[in-house]
Protein backbone atom coordinates (compact mmCIF):
# COMPACT_ATOMS: atom_id res chain seq x y z
CA MET A 1 -5.29 4.04 -30.04
CA ALA A 2 -2.96 6.84 -30.98
CA PHE A 3 0.00 8.48 -29.37
CA LEU A 4 2.25 10.60 -31.58
CA LEU A 5 0.76 13.40 -33.74
CA SER A 6 -1.40 16.45 -32.99
CA LEU A 7 -2.81 19.58 -34.65
CA PHE A 8 -4.42 22.86 -33.62
CA PHE A 9 -8.08 23.72 -33.86
CA PRO A 10 -8.10 25.43 -37.25
CA SER A 11 -10.56 28.13 -36.14
CA ILE A 12 -8.65 29.20 -33.02
CA PRO A 13 -5.51 31.38 -33.16
CA THR A 14 -2.36 29.61 -32.04
CA PRO A 15 -0.09 31.20 -29.44
CA ALA A 16 2.91 33.03 -30.87
CA ILE A 17 6.21 31.30 -30.09
CA THR A 18 9.31 32.97 -31.49
CA THR A 19 12.09 30.86 -30.00
CA PRO A 20 11.80 27.08 -30.48
CA SER A 21 12.84 25.14 -27.42
CA PRO A 22 12.83 21.49 -26.34
CA LYS A 23 11.83 22.59 -22.83
CA PRO A 24 8.35 21.28 -21.98
CA TYR A 25 5.61 23.85 -22.40
CA TYR A 26 2.17 23.53 -20.90
CA TYR A 27 -1.43 24.70 -20.78
CA TYR A 28 -3.47 24.17 -17.64
CA TYR A 29 -6.65 25.14 -15.87
CA GLN A 30 -8.23 24.43 -12.49
CA VAL A 31 -11.53 22.71 -13.22
CA ASN A 32 -13.08 21.48 -9.99
CA LYS A 33 -14.75 24.84 -9.25
CA LEU A 34 -16.55 25.02 -12.60
CA ASN A 35 -20.30 24.63 -12.56
CA LYS A 36 -20.96 21.49 -14.57
CA PHE A 37 -18.94 18.41 -15.56
CA ILE A 38 -20.09 15.92 -18.18
CA VAL A 39 -18.51 12.98 -20.00
CA VAL A 40 -19.06 12.62 -23.73
CA PRO A 41 -18.32 9.07 -24.99
CA ASN A 42 -17.04 9.10 -28.57
CA PHE A 43 -16.38 5.41 -29.22
CA ASN A 44 -19.20 4.70 -31.67
CA ASN A 45 -19.46 6.84 -34.82
CA PRO A 46 -16.77 9.18 -33.50
CA LYS A 47 -16.99 12.91 -34.11
CA ASP A 48 -14.33 15.59 -34.30
CA SER A 49 -13.70 17.28 -30.95
CA VAL A 50 -14.64 20.67 -32.45
CA ASP A 51 -18.17 19.36 -32.95
CA LEU A 52 -18.28 17.68 -29.54
CA ILE A 53 -17.21 20.88 -27.80
CA LYS A 54 -19.78 22.99 -29.65
CA GLU A 55 -22.62 20.50 -29.22
CA ASN A 56 -22.03 20.20 -25.47
CA ASN A 57 -21.25 23.87 -24.78
CA CYS A 58 -17.89 23.06 -23.21
CA LYS A 59 -16.03 25.99 -21.70
CA TYR A 60 -13.03 23.77 -20.93
CA ALA A 61 -12.33 20.27 -22.23
CA ILE A 62 -9.71 17.56 -22.42
CA ASN A 63 -9.72 14.05 -23.87
CA GLY A 64 -10.36 11.00 -21.73
CA GLY A 65 -8.48 7.70 -21.51
CA LEU A 66 -7.21 5.28 -24.11
CA TYR A 67 -9.23 3.04 -26.41
CA GLN A 68 -8.71 -0.24 -28.22
CA GLU A 69 -8.65 -1.12 -31.92
CA ASN A 70 -12.31 -2.16 -31.66
CA ASN A 71 -13.09 1.41 -30.52
CA LYS A 72 -13.95 0.32 -27.00
CA PRO A 73 -12.37 1.99 -23.96
CA LEU A 74 -9.25 0.36 -22.59
CA GLY A 75 -10.29 -0.63 -19.09
CA LEU A 76 -13.27 0.12 -16.90
CA PHE A 77 -15.63 2.76 -18.23
CA ILE A 78 -18.95 3.49 -16.54
CA ASN A 79 -21.02 6.50 -17.51
CA ASP A 80 -24.42 7.48 -16.16
CA HIS A 81 -24.50 4.16 -14.23
CA LYS A 82 -24.04 2.17 -17.48
CA THR A 83 -20.99 -0.08 -17.93
CA ILE A 84 -19.39 0.36 -21.37
CA ASN A 85 -16.33 -1.77 -20.63
CA LYS A 86 -14.99 -3.87 -17.76
CA LYS A 87 -11.94 -3.36 -15.56
CA ILE A 88 -8.56 -4.72 -16.65
CA ASN A 89 -5.60 -5.60 -14.44
CA SER A 90 -2.65 -3.46 -15.43
CA ASN A 91 0.44 -1.89 -13.87
CA ILE A 92 0.18 0.97 -16.36
CA PHE A 93 -3.55 1.69 -16.41
CA ASN A 94 -3.60 1.73 -12.64
CA GLY A 95 -5.73 4.77 -11.87
CA TYR A 96 -9.26 6.08 -12.11
CA LEU A 97 -11.12 9.29 -12.73
CA PHE A 98 -14.48 9.02 -11.02
CA LEU A 99 -17.57 10.98 -10.06
CA ASN A 100 -19.08 10.19 -6.67
CA ASN A 101 -21.92 12.24 -5.18
CA ASN A 102 -21.26 14.74 -7.98
CA ILE A 103 -17.67 15.25 -6.80
CA LEU A 104 -14.96 14.53 -9.37
CA ASN A 105 -11.79 12.86 -8.10
CA ILE A 106 -8.80 10.72 -9.07
CA GLY A 107 -7.31 7.73 -7.27
CA GLN A 108 -6.27 4.10 -7.41
CA THR A 109 -9.25 2.56 -5.63
CA ILE A 110 -12.97 2.65 -6.32
CA ASN A 111 -15.70 1.37 -4.03
CA ASN A 112 -19.44 1.49 -4.61
CA ILE A 113 -19.17 4.13 -7.32
CA SER A 114 -21.36 3.80 -10.39
CA GLN A 115 -22.08 7.36 -11.51
CA PHE A 116 -18.93 7.68 -13.64
CA ILE A 117 -15.62 5.76 -13.63
CA MET A 118 -12.85 5.84 -16.22
CA GLN A 119 -9.79 3.61 -15.87
CA THR A 120 -6.60 5.11 -17.25
CA GLY A 121 -2.98 5.70 -16.35
CA PRO A 122 -0.29 5.65 -15.29
CA PHE A 123 -1.28 7.09 -11.93
CA PHE A 124 1.53 8.86 -10.09
CA ASP A 125 1.68 9.52 -6.36
CA LEU A 126 4.30 12.26 -6.21
CA LYS A 127 5.23 11.37 -2.64
CA SER A 128 6.15 7.78 -3.46
CA THR A 129 8.76 6.16 -5.68
CA SER A 130 7.86 6.29 -9.36
CA ILE A 131 7.82 3.24 -11.62
CA ASN A 132 9.92 3.08 -14.78
CA TYR A 133 7.89 3.23 -17.98
CA ASN A 134 8.88 3.39 -21.64
CA ASN A 135 10.98 6.26 -22.95
CA LYS A 136 8.73 7.29 -25.83
CA THR A 137 8.05 11.01 -26.08
CA ALA A 138 4.59 12.41 -26.79
CA ARG A 139 2.30 15.23 -25.88
CA ARG A 140 0.95 14.31 -22.45
CA HIS A 141 -2.47 15.11 -21.07
CA VAL A 142 -3.10 14.60 -17.38
CA ILE A 143 -5.38 15.45 -14.51
CA ALA A 144 -3.45 16.74 -11.51
CA LYS A 145 -4.61 16.91 -7.90
CA ASP A 146 -3.16 19.24 -5.29
CA SER A 147 -2.91 19.00 -1.51
CA ALA A 148 -6.22 20.88 -1.16
CA ASN A 149 -7.97 18.31 -3.41
CA ASN A 150 -8.35 20.74 -6.31
CA LEU A 151 -8.22 19.24 -9.81
CA TYR A 152 -6.42 20.68 -12.83
CA ILE A 153 -6.20 19.66 -16.47
CA PHE A 154 -2.73 19.90 -18.06
CA SER A 155 -1.38 19.62 -21.59
CA ILE A 156 2.41 19.20 -21.63
CA PHE A 157 4.34 19.43 -24.90
CA THR A 158 7.40 20.89 -26.63
CA PRO A 159 6.63 24.27 -28.23
CA ASP A 160 8.97 23.84 -31.19
CA SER A 161 6.66 21.22 -32.66
CA PHE A 162 3.57 20.78 -30.45
CA ILE A 163 3.65 17.11 -31.47
CA SER A 164 6.07 15.84 -28.86
CA GLY A 165 6.44 16.03 -25.13
CA PRO A 166 7.88 14.27 -22.11
CA THR A 167 8.26 10.56 -21.56
CA LEU A 168 6.00 8.98 -18.96
CA ASN A 169 8.92 8.88 -16.54
CA GLN A 170 9.37 12.63 -16.90
CA ILE A 171 5.81 13.51 -15.86
CA PRO A 172 6.48 13.39 -12.08
CA LYS A 173 9.66 15.44 -12.60
CA PHE A 174 7.67 18.06 -14.49
CA PHE A 175 5.39 18.59 -11.49
CA GLN A 176 8.39 18.99 -9.22
CA LYS A 177 9.69 22.00 -11.15
CA PRO A 178 9.70 25.25 -9.11
CA GLU A 179 7.52 27.06 -11.66
CA ILE A 180 4.88 24.30 -11.46
CA LYS A 181 5.04 24.20 -7.67
CA LYS A 182 4.12 27.89 -7.72
CA ILE A 183 0.77 26.92 -9.23
CA ALA A 184 -0.08 24.45 -6.46
CA ASP A 185 1.31 21.70 -4.23
CA PHE A 186 0.54 18.80 -6.53
CA THR A 187 0.31 15.35 -4.96
CA GLN A 188 -1.26 13.00 -7.54
CA ILE A 189 -1.25 12.80 -11.33
CA LEU A 190 -3.51 10.70 -13.57
CA THR A 191 -2.38 10.26 -17.17
CA LEU A 192 -4.96 10.39 -19.97
CA ASP A 193 -4.56 9.49 -23.63
CA GLY A 194 -1.90 11.58 -25.37
CA GLY A 195 -0.21 12.23 -28.68
CA SER A 196 -2.48 12.24 -31.71
CA ALA A 197 -5.60 11.27 -29.74
CA SER A 198 -5.41 14.22 -27.36
CA VAL A 199 -7.41 17.44 -27.16
CA PHE A 200 -7.16 20.49 -24.93
CA TYR A 201 -9.66 23.32 -25.09
CA SER A 202 -10.03 26.58 -23.18
CA PRO A 203 -11.04 30.10 -24.20
CA THR A 204 -7.37 31.02 -24.68
CA ASP A 205 -5.42 27.82 -25.47
CA SER A 206 -6.44 24.91 -27.65
CA LEU A 207 -4.87 21.80 -29.17
CA HIS A 208 -6.60 19.50 -31.64
CA GLU A 209 -6.44 15.78 -32.31
CA SER A 210 -5.35 14.11 -35.54
CA THR A 211 -6.87 10.76 -34.53
CA PHE A 212 -10.31 10.62 -32.97
CA ILE A 213 -10.58 10.69 -29.19
CA GLY A 214 -12.44 7.98 -27.30
CA SER A 215 -14.16 10.38 -24.93
CA LEU A 216 -14.30 14.05 -24.02
CA LEU A 217 -14.21 15.42 -20.48
CA CYS A 218 -16.23 18.63 -20.62
CA TRP A 219 -16.70 21.45 -18.12
CA ARG A 220 -19.42 24.02 -18.79
């Protein structure tokens, strides 16, 4: 499991940034209206995300949840009706990304869903009181849901280094910024793995991992 370092895809031009700033910077894309969503487990014999993206023809992609030292997912992970790991009780990994009737969603409860479930977190309900987490900074990757039930993938980092980002406690505050509210009325946030084991890919903006990712969320 990795949290702190990150690199660019070597074959993709990096965005030009002339003035370093500690202010959080971000990439994002609305994904729920794309044609096809697949999950690519990468726990056994892990591959670089560049290869995973090419092999699966991903138009947009982001890493999944965290994994353990034995290279198994941390928490419940069901893919294609097959259970890879069981649920754990945790105040931090308290959310789920799931596919039900071919509709992708995030939440804190799952009932009679076996198509795809990934436990991860923290899960933030932006209309309720947030919980205090650790104050470590890292690049943060999340899935955000708006009031119209649209889903977005976000990479949040500091542009002077691209290896750091907000603390977990700062994630809800980020989505309350006026410039972010102009994108959508966000209501729920599900945190994925971050730091060195995080990947973001789109036709225009890409960030690469320095430690292998446990899974890839891929939209074609």
